[in-house]
Amino acid sequence: MAKKKSKKTTAKKAPARRRAPAKKTAPKRKKAATKKAARPKRATTAKKTATKKKAAKKPAKKVARKKAPAGTARTRVATKSKTARKKTTKKTATTLGRPRVPADAQLDLVFRKDYEAREVFGFLGVTTVRELEKFGPDQIIRLLTGPMVQTVGRIRKGMAMCNRSLDGDKAFALEFKQKVLASSSSAK
């Protein structure tokens, strides 16, 4: 019976022994890892470890850049490259993109349905897109409205010579008539 008691006592102490081997297993695992390293690696495992090493290195570089003081050359280069990137994005944002019509395209074909635009092109004496691009919008308006302004001036003068005026234009008619009379009297 003594033997049985001893077995029971050992059975009670068994849970305490289980805790102790947990501490001992950690060194055994390290030994197992060293044994695995000593074994020849397969190609797939070598690739996996290489990718893991690369992935581990990338965050280390970023951390090193962040830890660098503000006055170092690395941060200056980084700020210059960021400003250069911003400038390039602004330049691309301001472009119109790839032209849909070649520079030598005929304006009559491009503005096929716009009759008034084709009349303007005839007045300007341009036939291609390249020739039209040389003009600015204000310049085109001045060129188009110039003859109209001159024509209206001739109409006003003609009406004043007939002792008539356009609506609300009596002041101009009187001034013009006085100038004509003054110039004709000085000529005599």
C-alpha atoms as a PDB file:
ATOM      1  CA  MET A   1       0.000   0.000   0.000  1.00  0.00           C
ATOM      2  CA  ALA A   2       2.875   2.308   0.501  1.00  0.00           C
ATOM      3  CA  LYS A   3       3.588   2.103  -3.124  1.00  0.00           C
ATOM      4  CA  LYS A   4       0.103   3.139  -3.972  1.00  0.00           C
ATOM      5  CA  LYS A   5       0.333   6.188  -1.758  1.00  0.00           C
ATOM      6  CA  SER A   6       3.502   7.261  -3.376  1.00  0.00           C
ATOM      7  CA  LYS A   7       1.882   7.064  -6.758  1.00  0.00           C
ATOM      8  CA  LYS A   8      -0.966   9.167  -5.524  1.00  0.00           C
ATOM      9  CA  THR A   9       1.375  11.741  -4.153  1.00  0.00           C
ATOM     10  CA  THR A  10       3.243  11.872  -7.405  1.00  0.00           C
ATOM     11  CA  ALA A  11      -0.009  12.242  -9.269  1.00  0.00           C
ATOM     12  CA  LYS A  12      -0.854  15.268  -7.158  1.00  0.00           C
ATOM     13  CA  LYS A  13       2.531  16.814  -7.820  1.00  0.00           C
ATOM     14  CA  ALA A  14       2.299  16.237 -11.555  1.00  0.00           C
ATOM     15  CA  PRO A  15       0.609  19.545 -12.385  1.00  0.00           C
ATOM     16  CA  ALA A  16       3.478  21.400 -10.732  1.00  0.00           C
ATOM     17  CA  ARG A  17       5.952  19.537 -12.914  1.00  0.00           C
ATOM     18  CA  ARG A  18       4.059  20.436 -16.052  1.00  0.00           C
ATOM     19  CA  ARG A  19       4.648  24.113 -15.442  1.00  0.00           C
ATOM     20  CA  ALA A  20       8.350  23.697 -15.082  1.00  0.00           C
ATOM     21  CA  PRO A  21       8.922  22.003 -18.446  1.00  0.00           C
ATOM     22  CA  ALA A  22       7.300  24.990 -20.215  1.00  0.00           C
ATOM     23  CA  LYS A  23      10.310  27.075 -19.266  1.00  0.00           C
ATOM     24  CA  LYS A  24      12.647  24.391 -20.445  1.00  0.00           C
ATOM     25  CA  THR A  25      10.962  24.026 -23.843  1.00  0.00           C
ATOM     26  CA  ALA A  26      12.013  27.501 -24.953  1.00  0.00           C
ATOM     27  CA  PRO A  27      15.712  26.607 -25.024  1.00  0.00           C
ATOM     28  CA  LYS A  28      14.844  23.387 -26.812  1.00  0.00           C
ATOM     29  CA  ARG A  29      13.075  25.373 -29.508  1.00  0.00           C
ATOM     30  CA  LYS A  30      16.133  27.496 -30.031  1.00  0.00           C
ATOM     31  CA  LYS A  31      18.181  24.362 -30.489  1.00  0.00           C
ATOM     32  CA  ALA A  32      15.656  23.075 -32.974  1.00  0.00           C
ATOM     33  CA  ALA A  33      15.878  26.339 -34.901  1.00  0.00           C
ATOM     34  CA  THR A  34      19.633  26.047 -35.100  1.00  0.00           C
ATOM     35  CA  LYS A  35      19.315  22.476 -36.307  1.00  0.00           C
ATOM     36  CA  LYS A  36      16.935  23.614 -39.054  1.00  0.00           C
ATOM     37  CA  ALA A  37      19.362  26.297 -40.101  1.00  0.00           C
ATOM     38  CA  ALA A  38      22.102  23.686 -40.391  1.00  0.00           C
ATOM     39  CA  ARG A  39      19.995  21.634 -42.794  1.00  0.00           C
ATOM     40  CA  PRO A  40      20.229  22.423 -46.506  1.00  0.00           C
ATOM     41  CA  LYS A  41      17.370  24.735 -47.500  1.00  0.00           C
ATOM     42  CA  ARG A  42      15.061  24.120 -50.367  1.00  0.00           C
ATOM     43  CA  ALA A  43      14.750  26.756 -53.100  1.00  0.00           C
ATOM     44  CA  THR A  44      11.238  27.748 -52.036  1.00  0.00           C
ATOM     45  CA  THR A  45      12.238  28.357 -48.443  1.00  0.00           C
ATOM     46  CA  ALA A  46      15.225  30.396 -49.551  1.00  0.00           C
ATOM     47  CA  LYS A  47      12.941  32.618 -51.609  1.00  0.00           C
ATOM     48  CA  LYS A  48      10.508  33.020 -48.742  1.00  0.00           C
ATOM     49  CA  THR A  49      13.246  34.004 -46.329  1.00  0.00           C
ATOM     50  CA  ALA A  50      14.685  36.420 -48.887  1.00  0.00           C
ATOM     51  CA  THR A  51      11.325  38.139 -49.315  1.00  0.00           C
ATOM     52  CA  LYS A  52      10.878  38.271 -45.554  1.00  0.00           C
ATOM     53  CA  LYS A  53      14.285  39.862 -45.172  1.00  0.00           C
ATOM     54  CA  LYS A  54      13.482  42.451 -47.848  1.00  0.00           C
ATOM     55  CA  ALA A  55      10.185  43.271 -46.213  1.00  0.00           C
ATOM     56  CA  ALA A  56      11.925  43.643 -42.886  1.00  0.00           C
ATOM     57  CA  LYS A  57      14.544  45.998 -44.338  1.00  0.00           C
ATOM     58  CA  LYS A  58      12.083  48.475 -45.905  1.00  0.00           C
ATOM     59  CA  PRO A  59      10.496  49.690 -42.654  1.00  0.00           C
ATOM     60  CA  ALA A  60      13.948  49.999 -41.111  1.00  0.00           C
ATOM     61  CA  LYS A  61      14.978  52.495 -43.811  1.00  0.00           C
ATOM     62  CA  LYS A  62      11.843  54.579 -43.295  1.00  0.00           C
ATOM     63  CA  VAL A  63      12.449  54.698 -39.570  1.00  0.00           C
ATOM     64  CA  ALA A  64      16.034  55.805 -40.148  1.00  0.00           C
ATOM     65  CA  ARG A  65      14.866  58.692 -42.360  1.00  0.00           C
ATOM     66  CA  LYS A  66      12.332  59.836 -39.805  1.00  0.00           C
ATOM     67  CA  LYS A  67      14.919  59.821 -37.025  1.00  0.00           C
ATOM     68  CA  ALA A  68      17.313  62.041 -38.995  1.00  0.00           C
ATOM     69  CA  PRO A  69      17.571  65.637 -37.693  1.00  0.00           C
ATOM     70  CA  ALA A  70      15.774  68.377 -39.601  1.00  0.00           C
ATOM     71  CA  GLY A  71      18.946  70.076 -40.849  1.00  0.00           C
ATOM     72  CA  THR A  72      20.491  67.056 -42.541  1.00  0.00           C
ATOM     73  CA  ALA A  73      21.027  66.744 -46.257  1.00  0.00           C
ATOM     74  CA  ARG A  74      18.598  63.849 -46.560  1.00  0.00           C
ATOM     75  CA  THR A  75      15.629  65.916 -45.537  1.00  0.00           C
ATOM     76  CA  ARG A  76      16.688  68.784 -47.792  1.00  0.00           C
ATOM     77  CA  VAL A  77      16.851  66.471 -50.778  1.00  0.00           C
ATOM     78  CA  ALA A  78      13.491  64.996 -49.859  1.00  0.00           C
ATOM     79  CA  THR A  79      11.859  68.429 -49.679  1.00  0.00           C
ATOM     80  CA  LYS A  80      13.331  69.446 -53.016  1.00  0.00           C
ATOM     81  CA  SER A  81      12.052  66.316 -54.681  1.00  0.00           C
ATOM     82  CA  LYS A  82       8.587  66.878 -53.197  1.00  0.00           C
ATOM     83  CA  THR A  83       8.465  70.418 -54.554  1.00  0.00           C
ATOM     84  CA  ALA A  84       9.686  69.175 -57.910  1.00  0.00           C
ATOM     85  CA  ARG A  85       6.902  66.616 -57.936  1.00  0.00           C
ATOM     86  CA  LYS A  86       4.347  69.297 -57.154  1.00  0.00           C
ATOM     87  CA  LYS A  87       5.581  71.445 -60.025  1.00  0.00           C
ATOM     88  CA  THR A  88       5.293  68.592 -62.497  1.00  0.00           C
ATOM     89  CA  THR A  89       1.757  67.829 -61.393  1.00  0.00           C
ATOM     90  CA  LYS A  90       0.788  71.472 -61.821  1.00  0.00           C
ATOM     91  CA  LYS A  91       2.242  71.530 -65.326  1.00  0.00           C
ATOM     92  CA  THR A  92       0.322  68.436 -66.364  1.00  0.00           C
ATOM     93  CA  ALA A  93      -2.865  69.841 -64.895  1.00  0.00           C
ATOM     94  CA  THR A  94      -2.623  72.996 -67.024  1.00  0.00           C
ATOM     95  CA  THR A  95      -2.189  71.232 -70.359  1.00  0.00           C
ATOM     96  CA  LEU A  96      -5.127  70.633 -72.629  1.00  0.00           C
ATOM     97  CA  GLY A  97      -4.030  67.109 -73.441  1.00  0.00           C
ATOM     98  CA  ARG A  98      -3.396  65.544 -76.782  1.00  0.00           C
ATOM     99  CA  PRO A  99      -4.878  67.584 -79.668  1.00  0.00           C
ATOM    100  CA  ARG A 100      -7.826  65.928 -81.374  1.00  0.00           C
ATOM    101  CA  VAL A 101      -7.344  67.880 -84.594  1.00  0.00           C
ATOM    102  CA  PRO A 102      -4.030  68.251 -86.446  1.00  0.00           C
ATOM    103  CA  ALA A 103      -2.581  71.739 -86.922  1.00  0.00           C
ATOM    104  CA  ASP A 104      -2.980  71.543 -90.704  1.00  0.00           C
ATOM    105  CA  ALA A 105      -6.688  70.641 -90.552  1.00  0.00           C
ATOM    106  CA  GLN A 106      -9.007  72.783 -92.676  1.00  0.00           C
ATOM    107  CA  LEU A 107     -11.200  75.100 -90.607  1.00  0.00           C
ATOM    108  CA  ASP A 108     -14.148  74.581 -92.956  1.00  0.00           C
ATOM    109  CA  LEU A 109     -14.140  70.892 -92.059  1.00  0.00           C
ATOM    110  CA  VAL A 110     -13.639  71.417 -88.320  1.00  0.00           C
ATOM    111  CA  PHE A 111     -16.402  74.067 -88.109  1.00  0.00           C
ATOM    112  CA  ARG A 112     -18.631  72.452 -90.689  1.00  0.00           C
ATOM    113  CA  LYS A 113     -21.928  73.344 -88.977  1.00  0.00           C
ATOM    114  CA  ASP A 114     -20.988  76.850 -87.761  1.00  0.00           C
ATOM    115  CA  TYR A 115     -21.628  79.219 -90.665  1.00  0.00           C
ATOM    116  CA  GLU A 116     -20.805  82.426 -88.733  1.00  0.00           C
ATOM    117  CA  ALA A 117     -17.440  81.028 -87.641  1.00  0.00           C
ATOM    118  CA  ARG A 118     -16.608  80.174 -91.247  1.00  0.00           C
ATOM    119  CA  GLU A 119     -17.437  83.767 -92.246  1.00  0.00           C
ATOM    120  CA  VAL A 120     -15.046  85.029 -89.573  1.00  0.00           C
ATOM    121  CA  PHE A 121     -12.311  82.754 -90.925  1.00  0.00           C
ATOM    122  CA  GLY A 122     -12.902  84.163 -94.396  1.00  0.00           C
ATOM    123  CA  PHE A 123     -12.704  87.722 -93.036  1.00  0.00           C
ATOM    124  CA  LEU A 124      -9.447  86.953 -91.219  1.00  0.00           C
ATOM    125  CA  GLY A 125      -8.053  85.143 -94.272  1.00  0.00           C
ATOM    126  CA  VAL A 126      -7.154  81.917 -92.443  1.00  0.00           C
ATOM    127  CA  THR A 127      -7.800  78.387 -93.665  1.00  0.00           C
ATOM    128  CA  THR A 128      -5.998  76.098 -91.193  1.00  0.00           C
ATOM    129  CA  VAL A 129      -6.022  75.640 -87.435  1.00  0.00           C
ATOM    130  CA  ARG A 130      -2.339  76.643 -87.276  1.00  0.00           C
ATOM    131  CA  GLU A 131      -3.081  80.025 -88.866  1.00  0.00           C
ATOM    132  CA  LEU A 132      -6.034  80.606 -86.550  1.00  0.00           C
ATOM    133  CA  GLU A 133      -3.960  79.855 -83.427  1.00  0.00           C
ATOM    134  CA  LYS A 134      -1.809  82.926 -84.125  1.00  0.00           C
ATOM    135  CA  PHE A 135      -4.748  85.209 -83.274  1.00  0.00           C
ATOM    136  CA  GLY A 136      -5.911  86.046 -79.765  1.00  0.00           C
ATOM    137  CA  PRO A 137      -9.618  86.349 -78.907  1.00  0.00           C
ATOM    138  CA  ASP A 138      -9.400  90.105 -78.230  1.00  0.00           C
ATOM    139  CA  GLN A 139      -7.499  90.654 -81.463  1.00  0.00           C
ATOM    140  CA  ILE A 140     -10.199  88.827 -83.452  1.00  0.00           C
ATOM    141  CA  ILE A 141     -12.903  90.945 -81.810  1.00  0.00           C
ATOM    142  CA  ARG A 142     -11.026  94.163 -82.619  1.00  0.00           C
ATOM    143  CA  LEU A 143     -10.507  93.088 -86.212  1.00  0.00           C
ATOM    144  CA  LEU A 144     -14.157  92.121 -86.607  1.00  0.00           C
ATOM    145  CA  THR A 145     -15.684  95.109 -84.853  1.00  0.00           C
ATOM    146  CA  GLY A 146     -13.302  97.696 -86.334  1.00  0.00           C
ATOM    147  CA  PRO A 147     -15.055  97.867 -89.711  1.00  0.00           C
ATOM    148  CA  MET A 148     -18.463  97.928 -88.013  1.00  0.00           C
ATOM    149  CA  VAL A 149     -17.441 100.852 -85.794  1.00  0.00           C
ATOM    150  CA  GLN A 150     -16.157 102.716 -88.842  1.00  0.00           C
ATOM    151  CA  THR A 151     -19.380 102.008 -90.749  1.00  0.00           C
ATOM    152  CA  VAL A 152     -21.561 103.245 -87.900  1.00  0.00           C
ATOM    153  CA  GLY A 153     -19.414 106.409 -87.729  1.00  0.00           C
ATOM    154  CA  ARG A 154     -20.003 107.045 -91.438  1.00  0.00           C
ATOM    155  CA  ILE A 155     -23.756 106.506 -90.945  1.00  0.00           C
ATOM    156  CA  ARG A 156     -23.820 109.040 -88.074  1.00  0.00           C
ATOM    157  CA  LYS A 157     -21.968 111.623 -90.166  1.00  0.00           C
ATOM    158  CA  GLY A 158     -24.253 111.042 -93.151  1.00  0.00           C
ATOM    159  CA  MET A 159     -27.352 111.489 -90.987  1.00  0.00           C
ATOM    160  CA  ALA A 160     -25.911 114.723 -89.532  1.00  0.00           C
ATOM    161  CA  MET A 161     -25.302 116.100 -93.043  1.00  0.00           C
ATOM    162  CA  CYS A 162     -28.986 115.461 -93.806  1.00  0.00           C
ATOM    163  CA  ASN A 163     -29.974 117.315 -90.602  1.00  0.00           C
ATOM    164  CA  ARG A 164     -31.014 114.031 -89.034  1.00  0.00           C
ATOM    165  CA  SER A 165     -29.706 111.885 -86.171  1.00  0.00           C
ATOM    166  CA  LEU A 166     -29.984 108.424 -84.764  1.00  0.00           C
ATOM    167  CA  ASP A 167     -31.950 107.815 -81.574  1.00  0.00           C
ATOM    168  CA  GLY A 168     -30.242 109.712 -78.731  1.00  0.00           C
ATOM    169  CA  ASP A 169     -27.460 110.970 -81.015  1.00  0.00           C
ATOM    170  CA  LYS A 170     -28.436 114.646 -81.518  1.00  0.00           C
ATOM    171  CA  ALA A 171     -25.386 115.915 -79.625  1.00  0.00           C
ATOM    172  CA  PHE A 172     -23.018 114.188 -82.062  1.00  0.00           C
ATOM    173  CA  ALA A 173     -24.984 115.493 -85.070  1.00  0.00           C
ATOM    174  CA  LEU A 174     -24.801 119.098 -83.815  1.00  0.00           C
ATOM    175  CA  GLU A 175     -21.045 118.867 -83.042  1.00  0.00           C
ATOM    176  CA  PHE A 176     -20.278 117.290 -86.402  1.00  0.00           C
ATOM    177  CA  LYS A 177     -22.313 119.893 -88.288  1.00  0.00           C
ATOM    178  CA  GLN A 178     -20.512 122.734 -86.502  1.00  0.00           C
ATOM    179  CA  LYS A 179     -17.118 121.175 -87.379  1.00  0.00           C
ATOM    180  CA  VAL A 180     -18.119 120.848 -91.030  1.00  0.00           C
ATOM    181  CA  LEU A 181     -19.343 124.446 -91.144  1.00  0.00           C
ATOM    182  CA  ALA A 182     -16.186 125.688 -89.408  1.00  0.00           C
ATOM    183  CA  SER A 183     -13.902 123.778 -91.776  1.00  0.00           C
ATOM    184  CA  SER A 184     -15.842 124.922 -94.872  1.00  0.00           C
ATOM    185  CA  SER A 185     -15.745 128.595 -93.765  1.00  0.00           C
ATOM    186  CA  SER A 186     -12.003 128.405 -93.075  1.00  0.00           C
ATOM    187  CA  ALA A 187     -11.434 126.873 -96.519  1.00  0.00           C
ATOM    188  CA  LYS A 188     -13.103 129.883 -98.273  1.00  0.00           C
END
